[in-house]
Protein backbone atom coordinates (compact mmCIF):
# COMPACT_ATOMS: atom_id res chain seq x y z
CA UNK A 1 0.00 0.00 0.00
CA UNK A 2 1.46 3.46 0.82
CA UNK A 3 4.94 4.03 2.19
CA UNK A 4 3.61 5.67 5.35
CA UNK A 5 0.88 3.17 6.11
CA UNK A 6 -0.20 -0.35 5.34
CA UNK A 7 -3.77 0.82 5.11
CA UNK A 8 -5.51 0.83 1.77
CA UNK A 9 -6.15 4.35 0.43
CA UNK A 10 -9.57 5.72 1.32
CA UNK A 11 -10.57 6.28 -2.33
CA UNK A 12 -9.84 2.66 -3.18
CA UNK A 13 -11.82 1.40 -0.21
CA UNK A 14 -14.71 3.58 -1.31
CA UNK A 15 -14.62 2.06 -4.82
CA UNK A 16 -14.62 -1.45 -3.40
CA UNK A 17 -17.44 -0.58 -0.99
CA UNK A 18 -19.57 0.70 -3.88
CA UNK A 19 -19.10 -2.50 -5.90
CA UNK A 20 -19.90 -4.72 -2.91
CA UNK A 21 -23.27 -2.98 -2.49
CA UNK A 22 -24.36 -3.42 -6.10
CA UNK A 23 -27.08 -6.01 -6.68
CA UNK A 24 -28.08 -6.77 -10.28
CA UNK A 25 -28.27 -9.93 -12.37
CA UNK A 26 -25.66 -8.54 -14.78
CA UNK A 27 -23.18 -7.31 -12.15
CA UNK A 28 -20.69 -9.86 -10.83
CA UNK A 29 -20.68 -10.17 -7.05
CA UNK A 30 -17.63 -8.86 -5.16
CA UNK A 31 -17.25 -10.67 -1.85
CA UNK A 32 -14.16 -8.75 -0.69
CA UNK A 33 -10.36 -8.72 -0.80
CA UNK A 34 -7.74 -11.24 0.22
CA UNK A 35 -4.34 -9.89 1.24
CA UNK A 36 -1.05 -11.53 2.09
CA UNK A 37 -0.52 -13.75 -0.95
CA UNK A 38 1.37 -11.22 -3.05
CA UNK A 39 2.19 -7.56 -3.48
CA UNK A 40 -1.35 -6.76 -4.63
CA UNK A 41 -4.54 -7.79 -2.80
CA UNK A 42 -6.76 -10.26 -4.65
CA UNK A 43 -10.40 -9.54 -5.50
CA UNK A 44 -12.63 -12.33 -4.17
CA UNK A 45 -15.72 -13.24 -6.23
CA UNK A 46 -17.74 -16.40 -6.99
CA UNK A 47 -16.08 -18.79 -9.43
CA UNK A 48 -17.83 -19.27 -12.78
CA UNK A 49 -16.92 -22.42 -14.66
CA UNK A 50 -17.94 -20.81 -17.96
CA UNK A 51 -15.11 -18.27 -17.78
CA UNK A 52 -15.18 -15.00 -19.67
CA UNK A 53 -17.39 -14.18 -22.65
CA UNK A 54 -14.76 -14.85 -25.32
CA UNK A 55 -13.85 -18.33 -24.11
CA UNK A 56 -17.54 -19.11 -23.59
CA UNK A 57 -18.44 -18.14 -27.16
CA UNK A 58 -15.50 -20.07 -28.59
CA UNK A 59 -16.97 -23.21 -27.04
CA UNK A 60 -20.32 -22.43 -28.70
CA UNK A 61 -18.99 -21.24 -32.06
CA UNK A 62 -20.58 -24.14 -33.96
CA UNK A 63 -24.03 -23.79 -32.37
CA UNK A 64 -26.75 -23.15 -34.93
CA UNK A 65 -28.14 -20.30 -32.81
CA UNK A 66 -24.80 -18.71 -31.86
CA UNK A 67 -25.85 -15.29 -33.24
CA UNK A 68 -28.92 -15.35 -31.00
CA UNK A 69 -26.67 -16.29 -28.07
CA UNK A 70 -24.40 -13.33 -28.86
CA UNK A 71 -27.38 -10.97 -28.98
CA UNK A 72 -28.64 -12.23 -25.62
CA UNK A 73 -25.20 -11.77 -24.03
CA UNK A 74 -24.94 -8.25 -25.44
CA UNK A 75 -28.34 -7.50 -23.90
CA UNK A 76 -26.97 -8.73 -20.57
CA UNK A 77 -23.90 -6.52 -20.87
CA UNK A 78 -25.81 -3.39 -21.79
CA UNK A 79 -28.38 -3.91 -19.05
CA UNK A 80 -25.47 -4.12 -16.60
CA UNK A 81 -23.94 -0.91 -17.98
CA UNK A 82 -27.37 0.77 -17.89
CA UNK A 83 -27.69 -0.18 -14.22
CA UNK A 84 -24.26 1.26 -13.39
CA UNK A 85 -24.86 4.51 -15.25
CA UNK A 86 -28.29 4.79 -13.67
CA UNK A 87 -26.54 4.69 -10.30
CA UNK A 88 -23.96 7.32 -11.33
CA UNK A 89 -21.16 4.74 -11.68
CA UNK A 90 -18.65 4.62 -14.53
CA UNK A 91 -17.21 1.14 -15.06
CA UNK A 92 -13.96 2.33 -16.61
CA UNK A 93 -12.60 -0.99 -17.89
CA UNK A 94 -15.19 -2.67 -20.13
CA UNK A 95 -13.65 -5.47 -22.21
CA UNK A 96 -14.13 -9.17 -22.87
CA UNK A 97 -11.94 -10.29 -19.98
CA UNK A 98 -14.16 -8.36 -17.59
CA UNK A 99 -17.39 -10.04 -18.69
CA UNK A 100 -17.92 -13.37 -16.95
CA UNK A 101 -20.62 -15.90 -17.80
CA UNK A 102 -22.52 -17.31 -14.85
CA UNK A 103 -23.44 -20.95 -14.44
CA UNK A 104 -26.88 -20.00 -15.79
CA UNK A 105 -25.32 -18.53 -18.96
CA UNK A 106 -25.87 -14.89 -17.96
CA UNK A 107 -23.22 -12.28 -18.77
CA UNK A 108 -22.01 -10.29 -15.74
CA UNK A 109 -19.69 -7.28 -15.56
CA UNK A 110 -16.75 -7.48 -13.18
CA UNK A 111 -13.55 -5.66 -12.17
CA UNK A 112 -14.73 -2.01 -12.55
CA UNK A 113 -11.07 -1.01 -13.04
CA UNK A 114 -10.22 -2.20 -9.53
CA UNK A 115 -7.31 -4.32 -10.77
CA UNK A 116 -5.80 -1.13 -12.18
CA UNK A 117 -6.48 0.80 -8.98
CA UNK A 118 -4.99 -1.93 -6.80
CA UNK A 119 -1.84 -2.04 -8.88
CA UNK A 120 -1.50 1.72 -9.00
CA UNK A 121 -1.64 1.88 -5.20
CA UNK A 122 0.99 -0.84 -4.77
CA UNK A 123 4.56 0.51 -4.74
CA UNK A 124 6.13 -2.95 -4.80
CA UNK A 125 5.18 -3.72 -8.40
CA UNK A 126 5.47 -1.99 -11.75
CA UNK A 127 1.99 -1.79 -13.29
CA UNK A 128 1.86 -2.84 -16.94
CA UNK A 129 -1.88 -3.24 -17.36
CA UNK A 130 -2.51 0.01 -19.21
CA UNK A 131 -1.24 -1.40 -22.50
CA UNK A 132 -3.65 -4.31 -22.24
CA UNK A 133 -6.59 -1.93 -21.81
CA UNK A 134 -5.54 0.79 -24.25
CA UNK A 135 -7.26 -0.95 -27.18
CA UNK A 136 -10.62 -0.28 -25.52
CA UNK A 137 -9.85 3.33 -24.52
CA UNK A 138 -11.91 6.13 -25.99
CA UNK A 139 -9.92 8.72 -28.00
CA UNK A 140 -10.45 11.45 -25.41
CA UNK A 141 -8.95 9.18 -22.74
CA UNK A 142 -6.05 7.74 -24.75
CA UNK A 143 -5.03 10.90 -26.62
CA UNK A 144 -6.12 13.75 -24.34
CA UNK A 145 -5.99 12.19 -20.88
CA UNK A 146 -9.54 13.18 -20.00
CA UNK A 147 -11.41 11.54 -17.13
CA UNK A 148 -13.38 8.34 -17.52
CA UNK A 149 -17.03 8.99 -18.29
CA UNK A 150 -20.28 7.39 -19.39
CA UNK A 151 -19.25 8.27 -22.95
CA UNK A 152 -15.90 6.46 -22.63
CA UNK A 153 -17.76 3.41 -21.31
CA UNK A 154 -19.90 3.46 -24.46
CA UNK A 155 -16.82 3.57 -26.73
CA UNK A 156 -15.51 0.54 -24.83
CA UNK A 157 -18.88 -1.19 -25.32
CA UNK A 158 -18.47 -0.75 -29.08
CA UNK A 159 -15.04 -2.39 -28.81
CA UNK A 160 -16.56 -5.22 -26.80
CA UNK A 161 -19.21 -5.74 -29.49
CA UNK A 162 -16.33 -6.23 -31.98
CA UNK A 163 -14.81 -8.82 -29.63
CA UNK A 164 -18.07 -10.68 -29.15
CA UNK A 165 -19.34 -10.72 -32.73
CA UNK A 166 -16.14 -10.85 -34.77
CA UNK A 167 -13.92 -12.70 -32.27
CA UNK A 168 -11.29 -10.01 -32.78
CA UNK A 169 -9.57 -7.48 -30.55
CA UNK A 170 -10.20 -3.81 -31.21
CA UNK A 171 -7.41 -2.56 -33.47
CA UNK A 172 -6.53 -6.19 -34.05
CA UNK A 173 -3.72 -5.39 -36.51
CA UNK A 174 -2.04 -2.77 -34.31
CA UNK A 175 0.99 -4.12 -32.46
CA UNK A 176 1.63 -1.42 -29.86
CA UNK A 177 0.29 1.73 -28.25
CA UNK A 178 2.03 3.96 -30.77
CA UNK A 179 0.16 2.32 -33.66
CA UNK A 180 -3.11 2.56 -31.74
CA UNK A 181 -2.44 6.24 -31.06
CA UNK A 182 -1.86 6.89 -34.76
CA UNK A 183 -5.06 5.01 -35.63
CA UNK A 184 -7.09 7.05 -33.15
CA UNK A 185 -5.52 10.28 -34.34
CA UNK A 186 -6.48 9.33 -37.90
CA UNK A 187 -10.03 8.49 -36.79
CA UNK A 188 -9.67 4.84 -37.77
CA UNK A 189 -12.40 2.65 -36.29
CA UNK A 190 -11.38 -0.17 -33.91
CA UNK A 191 -12.99 -2.81 -36.14
CA UNK A 192 -15.14 -3.52 -39.19
CA UNK A 193 -18.56 -5.02 -39.78
CA UNK A 194 -17.54 -8.40 -41.26
CA UNK A 195 -20.49 -10.77 -40.59
CA UNK A 196 -22.13 -8.51 -38.02
CA UNK A 197 -25.84 -7.86 -38.72
CA UNK A 198 -26.64 -4.35 -39.89
CA UNK A 199 -28.75 -3.69 -36.79
CA UNK A 200 -25.79 -4.45 -34.50
CA UNK A 201 -23.24 -2.66 -36.68
CA UNK A 202 -25.36 0.50 -36.57
CA UNK A 203 -25.14 0.47 -32.77
CA UNK A 204 -21.36 -0.09 -32.91
CA UNK A 205 -20.89 2.85 -35.29
CA UNK A 206 -22.83 5.10 -32.91
CA UNK A 207 -20.53 4.04 -30.06
CA UNK A 208 -17.48 4.81 -32.24
CA UNK A 209 -18.37 8.45 -32.82
CA UNK A 210 -15.14 10.43 -32.30
CA UNK A 211 -17.22 13.21 -30.75
CA UNK A 212 -17.78 11.87 -27.23
CA UNK A 213 -20.84 14.08 -26.77
CA UNK A 214 -22.55 12.13 -29.55
CA UNK A 215 -22.16 8.67 -28.01
CA UNK A 216 -25.50 6.95 -27.34
CA UNK A 217 -26.67 6.53 -23.76
CA UNK A 218 -26.49 3.05 -22.25
CA UNK A 219 -30.28 3.05 -21.80
CA UNK A 220 -30.73 3.73 -25.51
CA UNK A 221 -28.43 0.88 -26.57
CA UNK A 222 -29.83 -1.56 -24.00
CA UNK A 223 -33.39 -0.82 -25.13
CA UNK A 224 -32.42 -1.21 -28.80
CA UNK A 225 -30.76 -4.60 -28.31
CA UNK A 226 -33.41 -5.98 -25.96
CA UNK A 227 -36.11 -4.89 -28.41
CA UNK A 228 -34.32 -6.80 -31.19
CA UNK A 229 -34.11 -9.90 -29.02
CA UNK A 230 -37.74 -9.83 -27.90
CA UNK A 231 -39.01 -9.28 -31.45
CA UNK A 232 -36.81 -12.14 -32.73
CA UNK A 233 -38.39 -14.48 -30.18
CA UNK A 234 -41.94 -13.27 -30.90
CA UNK A 235 -41.33 -13.67 -34.63
CA UNK A 236 -40.29 -17.31 -34.17
CA UNK A 237 -43.34 -18.07 -32.02
CA UNK A 238 -45.80 -16.45 -34.40
CA UNK A 239 -44.38 -17.74 -37.70
CA UNK A 240 -43.34 -21.23 -36.49
CA UNK A 241 -40.59 -21.03 -39.15
CA UNK A 242 -43.18 -20.82 -41.93
CA UNK A 243 -43.43 -18.22 -44.69
CA UNK A 244 -44.87 -14.93 -43.42
CA UNK A 245 -48.37 -14.10 -44.65
CA UNK A 246 -50.24 -10.81 -44.36
CA UNK A 247 -51.90 -11.75 -41.05
CA UNK A 248 -48.57 -12.60 -39.44
CA UNK A 249 -46.97 -9.43 -40.80
CA UNK A 250 -49.81 -7.25 -39.48
CA UNK A 251 -49.59 -8.81 -36.03
CA UNK A 252 -45.80 -8.39 -35.81
CA UNK A 253 -46.04 -4.75 -36.90
CA UNK A 254 -48.73 -4.14 -34.28
CA UNK A 255 -46.64 -5.79 -31.56
CA UNK A 256 -43.59 -3.76 -32.57
CA UNK A 257 -45.60 -0.54 -32.44
CA UNK A 258 -47.10 -1.39 -29.04
CA UNK A 259 -43.68 -2.17 -27.51
CA UNK A 260 -42.14 1.01 -28.92
CA UNK A 261 -44.75 3.09 -27.11
CA UNK A 262 -43.83 1.60 -23.72
CA UNK A 263 -41.26 3.11 -21.40
CA UNK A 264 -37.72 1.95 -22.17
CA UNK A 265 -37.15 -0.08 -19.01
CA UNK A 266 -40.15 -2.29 -19.88
CA UNK A 267 -38.32 -3.84 -22.85
CA UNK A 268 -35.06 -4.29 -20.94
CA UNK A 269 -36.96 -6.07 -18.18
CA UNK A 270 -38.79 -8.34 -20.63
CA UNK A 271 -35.94 -10.24 -22.25
CA UNK A 272 -34.69 -12.20 -19.18
CA UNK A 273 -38.16 -13.62 -18.48
CA UNK A 274 -39.35 -17.08 -19.47
CA UNK A 275 -40.98 -17.57 -22.86
CA UNK A 276 -44.45 -17.75 -21.34
CA UNK A 277 -43.90 -14.56 -19.31
CA UNK A 278 -42.58 -12.65 -22.33
CA UNK A 279 -45.48 -13.81 -24.50
CA UNK A 280 -47.99 -12.85 -21.78
CA UNK A 281 -46.53 -9.36 -21.41
CA UNK A 282 -46.42 -8.84 -25.18
CA UNK A 283 -50.11 -9.78 -25.36
CA UNK A 284 -50.91 -7.30 -22.56
CA UNK A 285 -49.13 -4.40 -24.28
CA UNK A 286 -50.71 -5.26 -27.63
CA UNK A 287 -54.17 -5.52 -26.08
CA UNK A 288 -53.88 -2.16 -24.34
CA UNK A 289 -52.72 -0.47 -27.54
CA UNK A 290 -55.63 -1.97 -29.48
CA UNK A 291 -58.23 -1.06 -26.87
CA UNK A 292 -56.91 2.51 -26.84
CA UNK A 293 -57.21 2.60 -30.65
CA UNK A 294 -53.47 3.13 -31.05
CA UNK A 295 -53.19 0.45 -33.74
CA UNK A 296 -53.54 1.31 -37.40
CA UNK A 297 -54.51 -0.42 -39.58
CA UNK A 298 -57.25 -2.21 -37.74
CA UNK A 299 -56.14 -5.48 -36.18
CA UNK A 300 -58.99 -7.82 -35.18
CA UNK A 301 -61.97 -6.71 -33.10
CA UNK A 302 -61.66 -5.07 -29.68
CA UNK A 303 -63.51 -8.01 -28.19
CA UNK A 304 -60.49 -10.20 -28.99
CA UNK A 305 -58.22 -8.00 -26.89
CA UNK A 306 -60.72 -7.62 -24.05
CA UNK A 307 -60.70 -11.43 -23.92
CA UNK A 308 -56.88 -11.36 -23.77
CA UNK A 309 -56.92 -8.85 -20.90
CA UNK A 310 -59.44 -10.97 -19.02
CA UNK A 311 -57.33 -14.12 -19.41
CA UNK A 312 -53.87 -12.63 -18.77
CA UNK A 313 -54.63 -9.68 -16.51
CA UNK A 314 -52.65 -6.44 -16.67
CA UNK A 315 -49.42 -7.64 -15.07
CA UNK A 316 -47.31 -4.59 -14.23
CA UNK A 317 -49.08 -2.34 -16.75
CA UNK A 318 -50.69 0.78 -15.28
CA UNK A 319 -54.04 1.12 -17.03
CA UNK A 320 -55.36 4.56 -17.99
CA UNK A 321 -58.51 5.52 -16.11
CA UNK A 322 -60.45 5.22 -19.36
CA UNK A 323 -59.76 1.47 -19.62
CA UNK A 324 -61.76 -0.95 -17.47
CA UNK A 325 -60.27 -4.40 -16.98
CA UNK A 326 -62.71 -7.18 -17.93
CA UNK A 327 -63.40 -9.73 -15.20
CA UNK A 328 -61.46 -12.98 -15.53
CA UNK A 329 -64.72 -14.98 -15.51
CA UNK A 330 -66.55 -12.61 -17.88
CA UNK A 331 -68.56 -14.62 -20.37
CA UNK A 332 -69.44 -12.10 -23.08
CA UNK A 333 -66.65 -10.04 -24.64
CA UNK A 334 -68.56 -8.83 -27.65
CA UNK A 335 -69.35 -10.37 -31.04
CA UNK A 336 -68.03 -13.89 -31.47
CA UNK A 337 -67.27 -15.98 -34.51
CA UNK A 338 -66.60 -12.98 -36.74
CA UNK A 339 -63.01 -13.70 -37.75
CA UNK A 340 -61.65 -16.05 -40.32
CA UNK A 341 -59.40 -18.64 -38.65
CA UNK A 342 -56.42 -17.52 -40.73
CA UNK A 343 -56.66 -14.01 -39.25
CA UNK A 344 -56.69 -15.36 -35.68
CA UNK A 345 -53.98 -18.01 -35.96
CA UNK A 346 -50.91 -15.75 -35.52
CA UNK A 347 -52.27 -14.36 -32.25
CA UNK A 348 -53.44 -17.85 -31.25
CA UNK A 349 -49.84 -19.08 -31.52
CA UNK A 350 -48.72 -16.30 -29.20
CA UNK A 351 -51.55 -17.14 -26.78
CA UNK A 352 -50.46 -20.78 -26.84
CA UNK A 353 -46.87 -19.81 -26.05
CA UNK A 354 -48.09 -17.73 -23.12
CA UNK A 355 -50.43 -20.38 -21.75
CA UNK A 356 -50.44 -23.85 -23.36
CA UNK A 357 -53.95 -25.09 -24.10
CA UNK A 358 -55.59 -21.65 -24.20
CA UNK A 359 -55.30 -21.23 -27.98
CA UNK A 360 -58.06 -23.78 -28.53
CA UNK A 361 -60.48 -21.75 -26.38
CA UNK A 362 -59.40 -18.60 -28.23
CA UNK A 363 -59.96 -20.09 -31.69
CA UNK A 364 -63.25 -21.73 -30.68
CA UNK A 365 -64.66 -18.49 -29.27
CA UNK A 366 -63.70 -16.05 -32.01
CA UNK A 367 -63.31 -17.92 -35.29
CA UNK A 368 -66.06 -18.19 -37.87
CA UNK A 369 -67.06 -21.69 -38.86
CA UNK A 370 -65.22 -22.74 -41.97
CA UNK A 371 -65.80 -26.48 -42.02
CA UNK A 372 -68.52 -27.96 -44.13
CA UNK A 373 -69.22 -30.75 -44.54
CA UNK A 374 -67.77 -32.59 -41.49
CA UNK A 375 -64.49 -34.46 -41.94
CA UNK A 376 -65.02 -38.20 -42.25
CA UNK A 377 -62.54 -41.08 -42.03
CA UNK A 378 -63.07 -44.76 -42.84
CA UNK A 379 -61.94 -45.89 -39.41
CA UNK A 380 -62.95 -45.47 -35.79
CA UNK A 381 -61.51 -42.40 -34.10
CA UNK A 382 -60.16 -42.53 -30.55
CA UNK A 383 -58.78 -39.06 -29.87
CA UNK A 384 -58.31 -35.68 -31.56
CA UNK A 385 -55.65 -33.09 -30.63
CA UNK A 386 -55.39 -29.57 -32.04
CA UNK A 387 -52.07 -28.25 -33.25
CA UNK A 388 -51.59 -24.70 -32.02
CA UNK A 389 -51.61 -23.11 -35.48
CA UNK A 390 -55.35 -23.77 -35.48
CA UNK A 391 -55.49 -25.31 -38.96
CA UNK A 392 -54.38 -28.90 -38.29
CA UNK A 393 -55.48 -31.71 -36.03
CA UNK A 394 -53.86 -34.99 -35.03
CA UNK A 395 -56.25 -37.96 -34.91
CA UNK A 396 -55.64 -41.25 -33.09
CA UNK A 397 -57.31 -44.09 -35.02
CA UNK A 398 -58.31 -47.73 -34.46
CA UNK A 399 -56.34 -48.88 -37.51
CA UNK A 400 -53.05 -48.38 -35.59
CA UNK A 401 -52.40 -45.10 -37.36
CA UNK A 402 -52.22 -41.40 -36.48
CA UNK A 403 -53.40 -38.96 -39.12
CA UNK A 404 -52.70 -35.24 -39.34
CA UNK A 405 -55.54 -33.44 -41.14
CA UNK A 406 -56.08 -30.00 -42.61
CA UNK A 407 -59.29 -28.81 -40.94
CA UNK A 408 -60.23 -26.49 -43.82
CA UNK A 409 -60.16 -29.17 -46.51
CA UNK A 410 -60.20 -32.43 -44.57
CA UNK A 411 -57.10 -33.53 -46.50
CA UNK A 412 -54.78 -36.02 -44.83
CA UNK A 413 -51.41 -34.28 -44.58
CA UNK A 414 -49.48 -37.08 -42.87
CA UNK A 415 -49.99 -40.72 -41.93
CA UNK A 416 -47.93 -41.85 -38.95
CA UNK A 417 -47.47 -45.61 -39.19
CA UNK A 418 -45.69 -47.79 -36.64
CA UNK A 419 -48.10 -49.01 -33.95
CA UNK A 420 -49.43 -52.58 -34.14
CA UNK A 421 -52.81 -51.97 -32.49
CA UNK A 422 -55.42 -49.28 -31.83
CA UNK A 423 -53.96 -45.84 -31.06
CA UNK A 424 -55.66 -44.57 -27.92
CA UNK A 425 -54.25 -41.08 -27.41
CA UNK A 426 -52.03 -38.47 -29.03
CA UNK A 427 -50.40 -35.35 -27.54
CA UNK A 428 -48.53 -32.44 -29.11
CA UNK A 429 -45.33 -30.97 -27.62
CA UNK A 430 -45.44 -27.24 -26.71
CA UNK A 431 -43.04 -26.38 -29.54
CA UNK A 432 -45.13 -28.47 -31.96
CA UNK A 433 -42.10 -30.41 -33.15
CA UNK A 434 -43.09 -33.75 -31.65
CA UNK A 435 -46.18 -35.88 -31.25
CA UNK A 436 -46.52 -38.59 -28.61
CA UNK A 437 -48.92 -41.51 -29.00
CA UNK A 438 -49.94 -44.49 -26.90
CA UNK A 439 -51.50 -47.68 -28.23
CA UNK A 440 -53.11 -50.96 -27.28
CA UNK A 441 -49.82 -52.53 -28.40
CA UNK A 442 -48.57 -51.29 -24.99
CA UNK A 443 -46.04 -48.88 -26.42
CA UNK A 444 -45.53 -45.13 -26.49
CA UNK A 445 -43.99 -43.63 -29.59
CA UNK A 446 -42.60 -40.22 -30.50
CA UNK A 447 -43.02 -38.72 -33.98
CA UNK A 448 -41.61 -35.79 -35.89
CA UNK A 449 -44.70 -33.60 -36.42
CA UNK A 450 -43.39 -32.17 -39.69
CA UNK A 451 -42.20 -35.35 -41.42
CA UNK A 452 -44.20 -38.11 -39.72
CA UNK A 453 -41.03 -40.10 -39.04
CA UNK A 454 -40.57 -41.88 -35.71
CA UNK A 455 -38.14 -40.35 -33.23
CA UNK A 456 -36.09 -42.84 -31.24
CA UNK A 457 -37.21 -46.31 -30.24
CA UNK A 458 -40.69 -47.24 -28.95
CA UNK A 459 -41.06 -46.99 -25.18
CA UNK A 460 -42.24 -50.39 -23.99
CA UNK A 461 -42.69 -52.13 -20.68
CA UNK A 462 -46.36 -51.60 -19.86
CA UNK A 463 -48.28 -54.77 -19.00
CA UNK A 464 -51.67 -53.45 -20.01
CA UNK A 465 -53.38 -50.57 -21.76
């Protein structure tokens, strides 16, 4: 510590005390310091097996959804930075090494420049860490020696985005501080777009503005990224990886508009929730916007969204005094059976994601009848299960077969063959990828709902049906 005293400088203790008091899912916990094992005290924090963000992503580089993983981790990072800035704290050392991945796969910010402070206050070592951090330094810090600020944190966030998405250091081809200084003086960006999506690259370019007063706020970037993530998830639930039709497009545009009218922290609080919680909250915001006539063009009848409010409640939404919440057990919500099934199906898929099983009630209540004459099969039927898109059913039959039918035409889309006796029951997985069936042949089988092929071996062992 100091030459006159073994006590840690007051400013350093204050920094450590601030970090220890921070509680947020994206801020790494600091337990304290451990002294006596070297010239510099050690920071004590929980151990994360996943390591830092770069090593974690390298282990997942071949995952099919690695870009979605990167986006989620960037949301974590920016929500952590937003929390710090909202509490008047500048991190001061944002880089890949200082982002740890928890056992739950959540990105957490650590260090806060304390390693630098500890070394600076130790006279028994020569500190060499500045070179390692200079690549992430904002121009006004590196060239002009200005104080750390929210703006310099945002420049460093842009550098971190380059690390995360491109697996490259900022100023990757610069070998020393002199070359980095020349690059900054010449207004050369720390990295390039490469395979980075345009939506992410736009954020990075905003962070790399050489006028520090023009850097985006952490709240703005966090909201932007979290909005992208939430809409990506909603898109996958509503489209089910199928081509987008006009009804799906209208619903997604309406959802996007309803979320953009909410306060910023709503979107940043949405993305960490479970799928069902996110879907429920999206339905609430959409329903409120529709009831308040904020949606143009017209999207379904108001009665549809009153029904949604009655089923899902308001959650954390503060309703305007002009909006009365329907009772959960309310029977009449307005005209029923006025919508073509195709117009309702996109919202039905979102309802099903929010609360499995509820889409059937939704479709039954609001869709106009489109089936005539009744569907007939030349075999005895044991059980019928709806698929959540509302236009297909799975039928368990006495001829040892499961059939998937188009309810509009009655056409048989798939025949699932494999049982040796009557099929008693069929169930659909929540993601609609698998069907499960049980039969009088005392077996349970799994099927690919898209191809009709069996998945794995039959599950046997029952002694009766």
